[in-house]
Protein backbone atom coordinates (compact mmCIF):
# COMPACT_ATOMS: atom_id res chain seq x y z
CA MET A 1 13.44 20.76 64.20
CA LYS A 2 11.37 17.87 63.29
CA THR A 3 7.31 17.74 62.89
CA LYS A 4 4.98 14.97 61.95
CA LEU A 5 2.21 16.08 59.57
CA ILE A 6 -0.99 13.77 59.08
CA ILE A 7 -3.09 14.25 56.08
CA LYS A 8 -6.51 12.83 55.99
CA GLY A 9 -9.02 12.71 53.59
CA LYS A 10 -11.07 10.47 51.40
CA ARG A 11 -8.56 10.21 48.77
CA VAL A 12 -4.69 11.38 49.65
CA GLN A 13 -3.08 8.24 48.74
CA ASP A 14 -1.60 7.27 44.98
CA VAL A 15 -2.94 10.89 43.86
CA GLY A 16 0.94 12.42 43.92
CA TYR A 17 0.71 13.83 46.93
CA ARG A 18 4.36 12.37 47.68
CA LEU A 19 5.92 13.94 44.78
CA LEU A 20 4.32 17.54 44.71
CA LEU A 21 5.57 17.57 48.40
CA LEU A 22 9.04 16.24 47.29
CA SER A 23 9.09 18.88 45.37
CA ARG A 24 8.34 21.68 47.87
CA ALA A 25 11.33 20.13 50.31
CA ARG A 26 14.28 21.68 48.66
CA ASN A 27 15.25 23.29 51.82
CA LEU A 28 14.51 20.68 54.05
CA LYS A 29 17.26 18.48 55.85
CA GLY A 30 15.08 15.56 55.99
CA PHE A 31 11.85 13.99 54.31
CA GLU A 32 9.92 11.20 54.73
CA THR A 33 6.33 9.84 53.71
CA SER A 34 4.50 6.65 54.01
CA ASN A 35 0.81 5.32 53.79
CA ILE A 36 -1.05 4.46 56.99
CA GLY A 37 -4.42 3.19 56.55
CA GLU A 38 -6.26 5.74 54.37
CA ASP A 39 -3.79 8.94 55.84
CA LEU A 40 -0.59 10.16 54.64
CA ILE A 41 1.95 10.55 57.28
CA VAL A 42 4.74 13.30 56.59
CA LEU A 43 8.09 13.35 58.65
CA ILE A 44 10.25 16.61 58.00
CA GLU A 45 13.67 17.59 59.70
CA GLY A 46 14.98 21.11 58.85
CA GLU A 47 15.52 24.49 60.38
CA GLU A 48 12.44 25.96 61.85
CA GLU A 49 11.32 28.79 59.53
CA ASN A 50 11.79 26.18 57.03
CA VAL A 51 9.79 23.58 58.59
CA LYS A 52 7.03 26.28 59.18
CA ARG A 53 6.76 27.19 55.74
CA PHE A 54 6.96 23.83 54.74
CA THR A 55 3.90 23.11 56.86
CA GLN A 56 1.90 26.04 55.87
CA ILE A 57 2.54 24.68 51.80
CA VAL A 58 1.17 21.26 53.05
CA GLN A 59 -1.83 23.06 54.42
CA ALA A 60 -2.67 25.23 51.56
CA GLU A 61 -1.63 22.93 48.05
CA LYS A 62 -2.95 19.79 47.33
CA PRO A 63 -2.79 17.26 43.95
CA PRO A 64 -5.73 17.74 41.88
CA LEU A 65 -7.58 14.34 42.14
CA ALA A 66 -6.38 14.71 46.08
CA GLU A 67 -9.87 14.71 48.68
CA VAL A 68 -8.31 16.17 52.03
CA SER A 69 -10.13 16.86 55.00
CA GLU A 70 -8.01 18.05 57.69
CA VAL A 71 -3.73 18.11 58.05
CA ILE A 72 -2.80 17.63 61.72
CA VAL A 73 0.41 18.90 62.95
CA GLU A 74 2.18 17.16 65.42
CA CYS A 75 5.98 17.34 67.19
CA TYR A 76 8.29 14.16 66.24
CA ASP A 77 11.50 13.40 67.48
CA GLY A 78 12.21 10.52 66.08
CA GLU A 79 14.52 9.42 62.97
CA VAL A 80 14.00 11.12 59.52
CA MET A 81 15.25 9.96 56.30
CA GLY A 82 17.51 12.56 54.03
CA VAL A 83 15.54 14.35 51.22
CA LYS A 84 18.34 12.71 48.84
CA GLU A 85 18.00 9.05 50.14
CA TYR A 86 14.38 9.84 49.78
CA ARG A 87 14.19 10.72 46.42
CA GLU A 88 16.04 8.19 45.49
CA GLN A 89 13.93 5.77 47.53
CA LEU A 90 10.74 7.05 45.54
CA SER A 91 12.49 7.20 42.43
CA LEU A 92 13.03 3.06 42.54
CA GLU A 93 9.37 2.93 43.85
CA GLN A 94 7.99 4.64 40.72
CA LEU A 95 10.14 2.37 38.40
CA ALA A 96 9.12 -0.18 40.57
CA LYS A 97 5.50 0.61 39.59
CA ILE A 98 6.17 1.91 35.90
CA VAL A 99 7.98 -1.81 35.46
CA ALA A 100 4.79 -3.35 37.02
CA VAL A 101 2.32 -1.01 34.63
CA GLY A 102 4.59 -1.88 32.07
CA VAL A 103 4.35 -5.62 32.50
CA GLU A 104 0.35 -5.34 33.10
CA MET A 105 0.23 -3.24 30.00
CA LYS A 106 2.11 -5.59 28.18
CA ASP A 107 -0.32 -8.76 29.18
CA ASP A 108 -3.58 -5.96 28.53
CA ILE A 109 -1.92 -5.81 24.89
CA LYS A 110 -1.37 -9.22 24.26
CA GLU A 111 -5.22 -9.88 25.67
CA MET A 112 -6.19 -7.24 23.67
CA LYS A 113 -4.58 -8.61 20.42
CA GLY A 114 -6.48 -12.17 21.16
CA ASP A 115 -9.64 -10.23 21.73
CA ILE A 116 -8.64 -8.23 18.33
CA LYS A 117 -7.76 -11.47 16.82
CA GLU A 118 -11.32 -12.68 18.27
CA MET A 119 -13.41 -9.90 17.12
CA LYS A 120 -11.98 -10.33 13.73
CA GLY A 121 -13.19 -13.68 13.29
CA ASP A 122 -16.86 -12.36 14.45
CA ILE A 123 -16.93 -9.92 12.14
CA LYS A 124 -16.00 -12.26 9.11
CA GLU A 125 -18.53 -14.68 10.39
CA MET A 126 -20.88 -11.52 11.18
CA LYS A 127 -20.31 -10.63 6.98
CA GLY A 128 -21.02 -14.15 6.04
CA ASP A 129 -24.27 -14.09 8.19
CA ILE A 130 -25.36 -10.70 6.48
CA LYS A 131 -24.20 -11.72 3.05
CA GLU A 132 -26.53 -15.09 3.56
CA MET A 133 -29.31 -12.92 4.98
CA LYS A 134 -29.37 -10.82 2.07
CA GLY A 135 -29.31 -13.99 -0.37
CA ASP A 136 -32.60 -15.10 2.21
CA ILE A 137 -34.00 -11.51 2.00
CA LYS A 138 -33.74 -11.62 -2.17
CA GLU A 139 -35.02 -14.99 -2.05
CA MET A 140 -38.12 -13.75 0.02
CA LYS A 141 -38.77 -11.15 -2.43
CA THR A 142 -39.49 -13.50 -5.28
CA ASP A 143 -41.32 -15.80 -2.81
CA ILE A 144 -43.60 -12.79 -2.05
CA LYS A 145 -43.72 -11.32 -5.75
CA GLU A 146 -44.91 -15.10 -6.67
CA MET A 147 -47.45 -14.93 -4.03
CA LYS A 148 -48.78 -11.67 -5.13
CA SER A 149 -49.48 -12.96 -8.82
CA ASP A 150 -50.93 -16.43 -7.47
CA ILE A 151 -53.14 -14.26 -5.02
CA LYS A 152 -54.33 -11.56 -7.98
CA GLU A 153 -54.96 -14.88 -10.12
CA MET A 154 -56.81 -16.21 -7.30
CA LYS A 155 -58.86 -13.13 -6.74
CA SER A 156 -59.57 -13.65 -10.88
CA ASP A 157 -60.74 -17.35 -10.29
CA ILE A 158 -62.82 -16.58 -7.17
CA THR A 159 -64.66 -13.24 -9.10
CA GLU A 160 -65.04 -15.93 -11.92
CA MET A 161 -66.30 -18.81 -9.63
CA LYS A 162 -68.75 -16.25 -8.20
CA THR A 163 -70.49 -15.21 -11.25
CA ASP A 164 -70.39 -18.98 -12.45
CA ILE A 165 -72.27 -19.65 -9.16
CA LYS A 166 -74.43 -16.80 -9.50
CA GLU A 167 -75.30 -18.24 -12.96
CA MET A 168 -75.82 -21.83 -11.57
CA LYS A 169 -78.29 -20.46 -8.76
CA THR A 170 -80.19 -18.28 -11.47
CA ASP A 171 -80.38 -22.19 -13.84
CA ILE A 172 -81.16 -23.56 -10.30
CA LYS A 173 -84.25 -21.46 -9.52
CA GLU A 174 -85.90 -22.29 -13.26
CA ILE A 175 -84.90 -25.76 -13.15
CA LYS A 176 -86.70 -26.02 -9.65
CA GLY A 177 -89.37 -23.86 -11.31
CA ASP A 178 -89.67 -26.50 -14.46
CA VAL A 179 -89.34 -29.69 -11.78
CA LYS A 180 -92.29 -28.07 -10.12
CA THR A 181 -94.30 -27.73 -13.20
CA ILE A 182 -93.48 -31.17 -14.48
CA LEU A 183 -94.40 -32.54 -10.88
CA LYS A 184 -97.52 -30.76 -11.22
CA LYS A 185 -98.27 -32.27 -14.99
CA GLN A 186 -97.64 -35.73 -13.66
CA ASP A 187 -99.38 -35.75 -10.78
CA GLU A 188 -102.18 -34.86 -13.66
CA THR A 189 -101.05 -37.40 -15.73
CA ILE A 190 -101.11 -40.12 -12.73
CA ALA A 191 -105.02 -39.28 -12.03
CA GLU A 192 -105.60 -39.48 -15.98
CA ILE A 193 -103.99 -43.14 -15.75
CA ARG A 194 -105.68 -43.85 -12.78
CA ALA A 195 -109.62 -43.02 -14.30
CA LEU A 196 -108.44 -44.65 -17.35
CA ARG A 197 -107.48 -47.90 -15.69
CA GLU A 198 -111.24 -47.41 -13.57
CA ASP A 199 -112.65 -47.32 -16.61
CA LEU A 200 -111.34 -50.25 -18.23
CA LYS A 201 -111.34 -52.28 -14.97
CA GLN A 202 -114.92 -51.69 -15.20
CA TYR A 203 -115.23 -52.57 -19.07
CA MET A 204 -113.41 -55.71 -18.25
CA ASP A 205 -115.27 -56.44 -16.06
CA ARG A 206 -118.64 -56.26 -18.16
CA ARG A 207 -117.12 -58.11 -20.79
CA PHE A 208 -116.38 -60.93 -18.79
CA GLU A 209 -120.06 -60.78 -17.03
CA LYS A 210 -121.43 -60.81 -20.17
CA LEU A 211 -118.94 -63.40 -21.57
CA GLU A 212 -119.63 -65.80 -18.66
CA ARG A 213 -123.35 -65.20 -19.35
CA GLU A 214 -123.17 -66.16 -23.43
CA ILE A 215 -121.05 -69.39 -22.24
CA ALA A 216 -123.76 -70.63 -19.51
CA LEU A 217 -126.34 -69.54 -22.23
CA ILE A 218 -124.23 -72.09 -24.95
CA LYS A 219 -123.78 -74.91 -22.04
CA GLN A 220 -127.39 -74.87 -21.34
CA LYS A 221 -128.47 -75.28 -24.87
CA ILE A 222 -125.75 -78.05 -25.38
CA GLY A 223 -127.07 -80.09 -22.25
CA LEU A 224 -124.09 -79.58 -20.41
CA VAL A 225 -125.91 -78.20 -17.68
């Protein structure tokens, strides 16, 4: 008896389905699987009872990672590969996959070694940068300490300057008062000088008039007029 099983679902390939089914096909004469689209096709041949039992196993069991929606059972009258022959073929396929994975792993390991070497260089560079940053931070701390000292000194100088300015304002206020007094006295002195000049001018005018009269009298007496 021959039967065709169509296993459908989101994930029925590359999840260990063929190995699982092969391990359950010991009592079958023929067994063969193939991937068609997203489906897994299983062809079996054997005694009717064994074929039915295997079909029930397929409907009941699945690999842990498989996602099966349905198992369709159809009649089949074509050729079916022997179980032993299929086992050898599957072994060769698995061996080829292992070799391919090994080559890929070898390339990945080589790439990883390159990445690790590059990472070591980056880490070494980072260590240098961190060391340099530590030096810069230490220098900055020293600068900040000096700045704090300078600011403290500046605050002291500003306080002293404020005191000096306050004293200067007091002195200026006193000077302004003195200047005001001096200006007042100066005005009084100028007024006195002006009055003195006026008195002197009047006195000199009287003296000149008297001298002119006396000179005119003398000239008259000596007959010059």
